[in-house]
C-alpha atoms as a PDB file:
ATOM      1  CA  MET A   1     -15.580  22.051 -40.289  1.00  0.00           C
ATOM      2  CA  GLU A   2     -13.540  18.838 -40.240  1.00  0.00           C
ATOM      3  CA  THR A   3     -12.250  17.192 -37.086  1.00  0.00           C
ATOM      4  CA  LEU A   4      -8.562  16.447 -37.662  1.00  0.00           C
ATOM      5  CA  ASP A   5      -6.075  14.438 -35.609  1.00  0.00           C
ATOM      6  CA  SER A   6      -2.519  15.485 -34.735  1.00  0.00           C
ATOM      7  CA  ASN A   7      -1.316  14.296 -38.180  1.00  0.00           C
ATOM      8  CA  GLY A   8      -4.034  16.073 -40.163  1.00  0.00           C
ATOM      9  CA  LYS A   9      -6.149  12.933 -40.759  1.00  0.00           C
ATOM     10  CA  GLN A  10      -9.942  13.164 -40.573  1.00  0.00           C
ATOM     11  CA  ILE A  11     -11.529  11.750 -37.396  1.00  0.00           C
ATOM     12  CA  ASN A  12     -14.954  10.148 -37.794  1.00  0.00           C
ATOM     13  CA  GLN A  13     -17.251   8.311 -35.417  1.00  0.00           C
ATOM     14  CA  GLY A  14     -16.370   4.589 -35.293  1.00  0.00           C
ATOM     15  CA  LEU A  15     -12.683   5.031 -36.223  1.00  0.00           C
ATOM     16  CA  MET A  16      -9.937   3.555 -34.053  1.00  0.00           C
ATOM     17  CA  VAL A  17      -7.828   6.282 -32.436  1.00  0.00           C
ATOM     18  CA  LYS A  18      -5.079   6.691 -29.844  1.00  0.00           C
ATOM     19  CA  TYR A  19      -4.638   9.452 -27.281  1.00  0.00           C
ATOM     20  CA  THR A  20      -0.962  10.316 -27.733  1.00  0.00           C
ATOM     21  CA  ARG A  21      -0.149  11.236 -24.136  1.00  0.00           C
ATOM     22  CA  THR A  22      -1.250   7.995 -22.409  1.00  0.00           C
ATOM     23  CA  HIS A  23      -1.547   5.741 -25.492  1.00  0.00           C
ATOM     24  CA  THR A  24      -5.187   5.003 -24.687  1.00  0.00           C
ATOM     25  CA  VAL A  25      -6.623   3.200 -27.722  1.00  0.00           C
ATOM     26  CA  GLY A  26     -10.298   2.894 -28.565  1.00  0.00           C
ATOM     27  CA  LYS A  27     -13.128   3.558 -30.952  1.00  0.00           C
ATOM     28  CA  VAL A  28     -14.550   7.064 -31.390  1.00  0.00           C
ATOM     29  CA  ASP A  29     -17.956   7.161 -29.688  1.00  0.00           C
ATOM     30  CA  LYS A  30     -18.791  10.824 -30.130  1.00  0.00           C
ATOM     31  CA  ILE A  31     -17.318  14.081 -31.452  1.00  0.00           C
ATOM     32  CA  ILE A  32     -18.376  17.448 -30.075  1.00  0.00           C
ATOM     33  CA  SER A  33     -17.307  21.032 -30.701  1.00  0.00           C
ATOM     34  CA  LYS A  34     -17.050  23.415 -27.781  1.00  0.00           C
ATOM     35  CA  ASN A  35     -15.480  26.887 -27.649  1.00  0.00           C
ATOM     36  CA  GLY A  36     -13.784  26.395 -31.011  1.00  0.00           C
ATOM     37  CA  ALA A  37     -12.142  23.056 -30.082  1.00  0.00           C
ATOM     38  CA  PHE A  38     -13.123  19.531 -31.082  1.00  0.00           C
ATOM     39  CA  TRP A  39     -13.435  16.867 -28.384  1.00  0.00           C
ATOM     40  CA  VAL A  40     -13.382  13.134 -29.142  1.00  0.00           C
ATOM     41  CA  LYS A  41     -14.923  10.554 -26.782  1.00  0.00           C
ATOM     42  CA  ILE A  42     -13.140   7.168 -26.757  1.00  0.00           C
ATOM     43  CA  ASP A  43     -15.168   4.062 -25.876  1.00  0.00           C
ATOM     44  CA  THR A  44     -12.534   2.261 -23.783  1.00  0.00           C
ATOM     45  CA  SER A  45     -12.051   5.111 -21.311  1.00  0.00           C
ATOM     46  CA  GLY A  46     -15.367   6.940 -21.675  1.00  0.00           C
ATOM     47  CA  LEU A  47     -13.434  10.236 -21.615  1.00  0.00           C
ATOM     48  CA  TYR A  48     -13.260  13.168 -24.035  1.00  0.00           C
ATOM     49  CA  TYR A  49      -9.894  14.201 -25.513  1.00  0.00           C
ATOM     50  CA  ARG A  50      -8.940  17.243 -27.584  1.00  0.00           C
ATOM     51  CA  SER A  51      -8.636  16.229 -31.237  1.00  0.00           C
ATOM     52  CA  GLU A  52      -5.112  17.643 -31.570  1.00  0.00           C
ATOM     53  CA  TYR A  53      -3.898  14.999 -29.074  1.00  0.00           C
ATOM     54  CA  ILE A  54      -5.539  12.127 -30.995  1.00  0.00           C
ATOM     55  CA  GLU A  55      -4.028   9.935 -33.731  1.00  0.00           C
ATOM     56  CA  VAL A  56      -6.010   7.729 -36.097  1.00  0.00           C
ATOM     57  CA  VAL A  57      -4.535   4.208 -35.772  1.00  0.00           C
ATOM     58  CA  GLU A  58      -4.546   1.365 -38.268  1.00  0.00           C
ATOM     59  CA  GLY A  59      -3.288  -2.206 -38.462  1.00  0.00           C
ATOM     60  CA  LYS A  60      -2.327  -4.362 -35.467  1.00  0.00           C
ATOM     61  CA  ASP A  61      -2.357  -1.374 -33.073  1.00  0.00           C
ATOM     62  CA  ALA A  62      -5.913  -0.539 -34.064  1.00  0.00           C
ATOM     63  CA  TYR A  63      -7.742  -2.040 -31.098  1.00  0.00           C
ATOM     64  CA  ILE A  64      -7.032  -3.282 -27.616  1.00  0.00           C
ATOM     65  CA  LYS A  65      -9.926  -4.964 -25.816  1.00  0.00           C
ATOM     66  CA  PRO A  66     -10.940  -3.220 -22.625  1.00  0.00           C
ATOM     67  CA  LYS A  67     -10.267  -5.184 -19.468  1.00  0.00           C
ATOM     68  CA  LYS A  68     -13.321  -6.767 -17.911  1.00  0.00           C
ATOM     69  CA  SER A  69     -13.891  -5.743 -14.344  1.00  0.00           C
ATOM     70  CA  LYS A  70     -14.276  -8.479 -11.783  1.00  0.00           C
ATOM     71  CA  LYS A  71     -17.536  -8.378  -9.924  1.00  0.00           C
ATOM     72  CA  LEU A  72     -16.931  -8.288  -6.191  1.00  0.00           C
ATOM     73  CA  LYS A  73     -19.331  -9.124  -3.439  1.00  0.00           C
ATOM     74  CA  ASN A  74     -20.914  -6.312  -1.583  1.00  0.00           C
ATOM     75  CA  GLU A  75     -18.439  -5.232   1.100  1.00  0.00           C
ATOM     76  CA  SER A  76     -21.033  -5.565   3.852  1.00  0.00           C
ATOM     77  CA  GLU A  77     -21.691  -9.169   2.815  1.00  0.00           C
ATOM     78  CA  LYS A  78     -18.002  -9.968   2.497  1.00  0.00           C
ATOM     79  CA  PHE A  79     -17.072  -8.676   5.955  1.00  0.00           C
ATOM     80  CA  ASN A  80     -20.158  -9.407   8.004  1.00  0.00           C
ATOM     81  CA  ILE A  81     -18.478  -9.622  11.405  1.00  0.00           C
ATOM     82  CA  GLU A  82     -18.904  -7.718  14.607  1.00  0.00           C
ATOM     83  CA  ILE A  83     -15.952  -6.550  16.643  1.00  0.00           C
ATOM     84  CA  PRO A  84     -16.780  -5.988  20.297  1.00  0.00           C
ATOM     85  CA  VAL A  85     -15.921  -2.513  21.529  1.00  0.00           C
ATOM     86  CA  LYS A  86     -14.490  -2.097  25.002  1.00  0.00           C
ATOM     87  CA  ILE A  87     -14.170   1.355  26.509  1.00  0.00           C
ATOM     88  CA  SER A  88     -11.160   1.675  28.773  1.00  0.00           C
ATOM     89  CA  ASP A  89     -11.233   3.257  32.227  1.00  0.00           C
ATOM     90  CA  VAL A  90      -7.575   4.289  31.908  1.00  0.00           C
ATOM     91  CA  THR A  91      -7.184   8.064  31.712  1.00  0.00           C
ATOM     92  CA  ASP A  92      -3.664   8.292  30.347  1.00  0.00           C
ATOM     93  CA  GLY A  93      -2.410   7.578  26.887  1.00  0.00           C
ATOM     94  CA  PRO A  94      -3.088   8.801  23.400  1.00  0.00           C
ATOM     95  CA  GLY A  95      -6.130  10.941  22.957  1.00  0.00           C
ATOM     96  CA  VAL A  96      -6.556  11.703  26.645  1.00  0.00           C
ATOM     97  CA  GLY A  97      -6.131  15.100  28.166  1.00  0.00           C
ATOM     98  CA  GLY A  98      -5.315  18.210  26.319  1.00  0.00           C
ATOM     99  CA  GLY A  99      -2.708  20.646  26.278  1.00  0.00           C
END
């Protein structure tokens, strides 16, 4: 059985497609069939989308490069400070007592 997009075009692995609801554009990584529905995995998001919500795209809209993530330092290295803790002897204020 053929995997068709929302316009009736054939979807194949490696084609450029767009998810119509969020306009996510990418290359088809994988196509699977589950419970009578076809699911298309797009490389830019790494998510599966139902084929009826996919459009095959061509021309200048065919591909948008995924954004490169910036590599951050490990949080523990970035904020390696100690804050002294002082326990108060005051018995009134927020968090004291009960009611």
